[in-house]
């Protein structure tokens, strides 16, 4: 799963959000490292809906514009949980290898 997809699913894991809300949540979840553009977001939302991972929760008109809210499905929650576990395993394996790295001493002092 690509990082933007992971973050989109994570952003709607606890509550339905509209597009701009998802963009804000993704930026917050990633500490500002991932900034989705609207085109990227809506393409990803379409793919996630086709896969059955998200669905439209409701629609409302705000200032003459349609605002669509998305929620995660059980399938999407399962996919997100699986990805979280995969990332945990990878992080643990990397941490284990890093801990075996020889320590370097500087200035001749040990």
C-alpha atoms as a PDB file:
ATOM      1  CA  UNK A   1       0.000   0.000   0.000  1.00  0.00           C
ATOM      2  CA  UNK A   2       1.354   3.406  -0.928  1.00  0.00           C
ATOM      3  CA  UNK A   3       1.787   6.013   1.782  1.00  0.00           C
ATOM      4  CA  UNK A   4      -0.941   8.392   0.522  1.00  0.00           C
ATOM      5  CA  UNK A   5      -3.456   5.516   0.410  1.00  0.00           C
ATOM      6  CA  UNK A   6      -2.465   4.454   3.921  1.00  0.00           C
ATOM      7  CA  UNK A   7      -2.869   8.006   5.207  1.00  0.00           C
ATOM      8  CA  UNK A   8      -6.223   8.500   3.470  1.00  0.00           C
ATOM      9  CA  UNK A   9      -7.586   5.337   5.077  1.00  0.00           C
ATOM     10  CA  UNK A  10      -6.135   6.365   8.439  1.00  0.00           C
ATOM     11  CA  UNK A  11      -7.727   9.803   8.135  1.00  0.00           C
ATOM     12  CA  UNK A  12     -11.237   8.344   7.848  1.00  0.00           C
ATOM     13  CA  UNK A  13     -10.676   5.471  10.280  1.00  0.00           C
ATOM     14  CA  UNK A  14     -12.477   7.175  13.163  1.00  0.00           C
ATOM     15  CA  UNK A  15     -14.956   9.477  11.448  1.00  0.00           C
ATOM     16  CA  UNK A  16     -16.282  10.428   8.016  1.00  0.00           C
ATOM     17  CA  UNK A  17     -14.519  13.377   6.396  1.00  0.00           C
ATOM     18  CA  UNK A  18     -15.011  15.438   3.261  1.00  0.00           C
ATOM     19  CA  UNK A  19     -12.226  15.951   0.721  1.00  0.00           C
ATOM     20  CA  UNK A  20     -10.632  19.027   2.247  1.00  0.00           C
ATOM     21  CA  UNK A  21     -10.888  17.445   5.698  1.00  0.00           C
ATOM     22  CA  UNK A  22      -9.020  14.397   4.389  1.00  0.00           C
ATOM     23  CA  UNK A  23      -6.300  16.620   2.898  1.00  0.00           C
ATOM     24  CA  UNK A  24      -5.890  18.341   6.280  1.00  0.00           C
ATOM     25  CA  UNK A  25      -5.895  15.047   8.205  1.00  0.00           C
ATOM     26  CA  UNK A  26      -3.273  13.511   5.901  1.00  0.00           C
ATOM     27  CA  UNK A  27      -1.008  16.536   6.393  1.00  0.00           C
ATOM     28  CA  UNK A  28      -1.474  16.270  10.169  1.00  0.00           C
ATOM     29  CA  UNK A  29      -0.908  12.500  10.293  1.00  0.00           C
ATOM     30  CA  UNK A  30       2.297  12.841   8.272  1.00  0.00           C
ATOM     31  CA  UNK A  31       3.584  15.883  10.198  1.00  0.00           C
ATOM     32  CA  UNK A  32       3.339  17.891   6.980  1.00  0.00           C
ATOM     33  CA  UNK A  33       5.421  15.472   4.892  1.00  0.00           C
ATOM     34  CA  UNK A  34       2.516  14.437   2.656  1.00  0.00           C
ATOM     35  CA  UNK A  35       0.458  17.206   1.094  1.00  0.00           C
ATOM     36  CA  UNK A  36      -2.203  15.804  -1.200  1.00  0.00           C
ATOM     37  CA  UNK A  37      -3.486  17.773  -4.134  1.00  0.00           C
ATOM     38  CA  UNK A  38      -7.185  17.584  -4.887  1.00  0.00           C
ATOM     39  CA  UNK A  39      -6.647  15.644  -8.133  1.00  0.00           C
ATOM     40  CA  UNK A  40      -4.497  13.062  -6.383  1.00  0.00           C
ATOM     41  CA  UNK A  41      -6.977  12.737  -3.534  1.00  0.00           C
ATOM     42  CA  UNK A  42     -10.046  12.264  -5.692  1.00  0.00           C
ATOM     43  CA  UNK A  43      -8.290   9.718  -7.908  1.00  0.00           C
ATOM     44  CA  UNK A  44      -7.289   7.780  -4.793  1.00  0.00           C
ATOM     45  CA  UNK A  45     -10.800   8.040  -3.334  1.00  0.00           C
ATOM     46  CA  UNK A  46     -12.231   6.658  -6.570  1.00  0.00           C
ATOM     47  CA  UNK A  47      -9.818   3.701  -6.491  1.00  0.00           C
ATOM     48  CA  UNK A  48     -10.499   3.038  -2.816  1.00  0.00           C
ATOM     49  CA  UNK A  49     -14.262   3.105  -3.464  1.00  0.00           C
ATOM     50  CA  UNK A  50     -13.865   0.673  -6.380  1.00  0.00           C
ATOM     51  CA  UNK A  51     -11.902  -1.642  -4.060  1.00  0.00           C
ATOM     52  CA  UNK A  52     -14.647  -1.391  -1.447  1.00  0.00           C
ATOM     53  CA  UNK A  53     -12.364   0.244   1.149  1.00  0.00           C
ATOM     54  CA  UNK A  54     -14.333   3.480   1.473  1.00  0.00           C
ATOM     55  CA  UNK A  55     -17.838   4.624   0.686  1.00  0.00           C
ATOM     56  CA  UNK A  56     -19.817   7.824   0.645  1.00  0.00           C
ATOM     57  CA  UNK A  57     -21.269   8.498   4.079  1.00  0.00           C
ATOM     58  CA  UNK A  58     -23.390  11.515   3.142  1.00  0.00           C
ATOM     59  CA  UNK A  59     -23.542  14.583   0.949  1.00  0.00           C
ATOM     60  CA  UNK A  60     -24.471  18.144   1.823  1.00  0.00           C
ATOM     61  CA  UNK A  61     -24.544  21.458   0.026  1.00  0.00           C
ATOM     62  CA  UNK A  62     -22.342  24.129   1.586  1.00  0.00           C
ATOM     63  CA  UNK A  63     -22.342  27.606   0.034  1.00  0.00           C
ATOM     64  CA  UNK A  64     -23.820  26.190  -3.159  1.00  0.00           C
ATOM     65  CA  UNK A  65     -21.202  23.435  -3.496  1.00  0.00           C
ATOM     66  CA  UNK A  66     -21.656  19.734  -2.926  1.00  0.00           C
ATOM     67  CA  UNK A  67     -19.584  18.367  -0.050  1.00  0.00           C
ATOM     68  CA  UNK A  68     -19.233  14.578  -0.011  1.00  0.00           C
ATOM     69  CA  UNK A  69     -18.156  12.792   3.161  1.00  0.00           C
ATOM     70  CA  UNK A  70     -16.327   9.457   2.996  1.00  0.00           C
ATOM     71  CA  UNK A  71     -16.117   6.696   5.586  1.00  0.00           C
ATOM     72  CA  UNK A  72     -13.998   3.593   5.836  1.00  0.00           C
ATOM     73  CA  UNK A  73     -15.685   0.221   5.282  1.00  0.00           C
ATOM     74  CA  UNK A  74     -14.981  -3.011   7.140  1.00  0.00           C
ATOM     75  CA  UNK A  75     -12.859  -4.055   4.158  1.00  0.00           C
ATOM     76  CA  UNK A  76     -10.916  -0.800   4.345  1.00  0.00           C
ATOM     77  CA  UNK A  77     -10.417  -1.156   8.101  1.00  0.00           C
ATOM     78  CA  UNK A  78      -9.081  -4.669   7.539  1.00  0.00           C
ATOM     79  CA  UNK A  79      -6.710  -3.469   4.823  1.00  0.00           C
ATOM     80  CA  UNK A  80      -5.503  -0.634   7.074  1.00  0.00           C
ATOM     81  CA  UNK A  81      -4.973  -3.011  10.014  1.00  0.00           C
ATOM     82  CA  UNK A  82      -3.007  -5.412   7.787  1.00  0.00           C
ATOM     83  CA  UNK A  83      -0.814  -2.576   6.545  1.00  0.00           C
ATOM     84  CA  UNK A  84      -0.193  -1.363  10.091  1.00  0.00           C
ATOM     85  CA  UNK A  85       0.984  -4.857  11.053  1.00  0.00           C
ATOM     86  CA  UNK A  86       3.224  -5.084   7.971  1.00  0.00           C
ATOM     87  CA  UNK A  87       4.803  -1.728   8.805  1.00  0.00           C
ATOM     88  CA  UNK A  88       5.330  -2.787  12.436  1.00  0.00           C
ATOM     89  CA  UNK A  89       7.095  -5.994  11.348  1.00  0.00           C
ATOM     90  CA  UNK A  90       9.298  -4.078   8.923  1.00  0.00           C
ATOM     91  CA  UNK A  91      10.152  -1.446  11.527  1.00  0.00           C
ATOM     92  CA  UNK A  92      11.009  -4.133  14.110  1.00  0.00           C
ATOM     93  CA  UNK A  93      13.255  -5.941  11.616  1.00  0.00           C
ATOM     94  CA  UNK A  94      15.023  -2.700  10.713  1.00  0.00           C
ATOM     95  CA  UNK A  95      15.406  -1.740  14.383  1.00  0.00           C
ATOM     96  CA  UNK A  96      16.909  -5.151  15.160  1.00  0.00           C
ATOM     97  CA  UNK A  97      19.483  -4.797  12.382  1.00  0.00           C
ATOM     98  CA  UNK A  98      20.297  -1.231  13.362  1.00  0.00           C
ATOM     99  CA  UNK A  99      20.906  -2.285  16.967  1.00  0.00           C
ATOM    100  CA  UNK A 100      23.581  -4.720  15.726  1.00  0.00           C
ATOM    101  CA  UNK A 101      25.475  -1.950  13.952  1.00  0.00           C
ATOM    102  CA  UNK A 102      28.991  -1.515  15.335  1.00  0.00           C
ATOM    103  CA  UNK A 103      29.304   1.547  17.513  1.00  0.00           C
ATOM    104  CA  UNK A 104      31.760   4.159  16.301  1.00  0.00           C
ATOM    105  CA  UNK A 105      34.017   5.965  18.699  1.00  0.00           C
ATOM    106  CA  UNK A 106      35.175   9.474  18.033  1.00  0.00           C
ATOM    107  CA  UNK A 107      38.457  11.114  19.053  1.00  0.00           C
ATOM    108  CA  UNK A 108      40.035   7.853  20.096  1.00  0.00           C
ATOM    109  CA  UNK A 109      37.985   7.648  23.301  1.00  0.00           C
ATOM    110  CA  UNK A 110      35.892   4.565  23.864  1.00  0.00           C
END
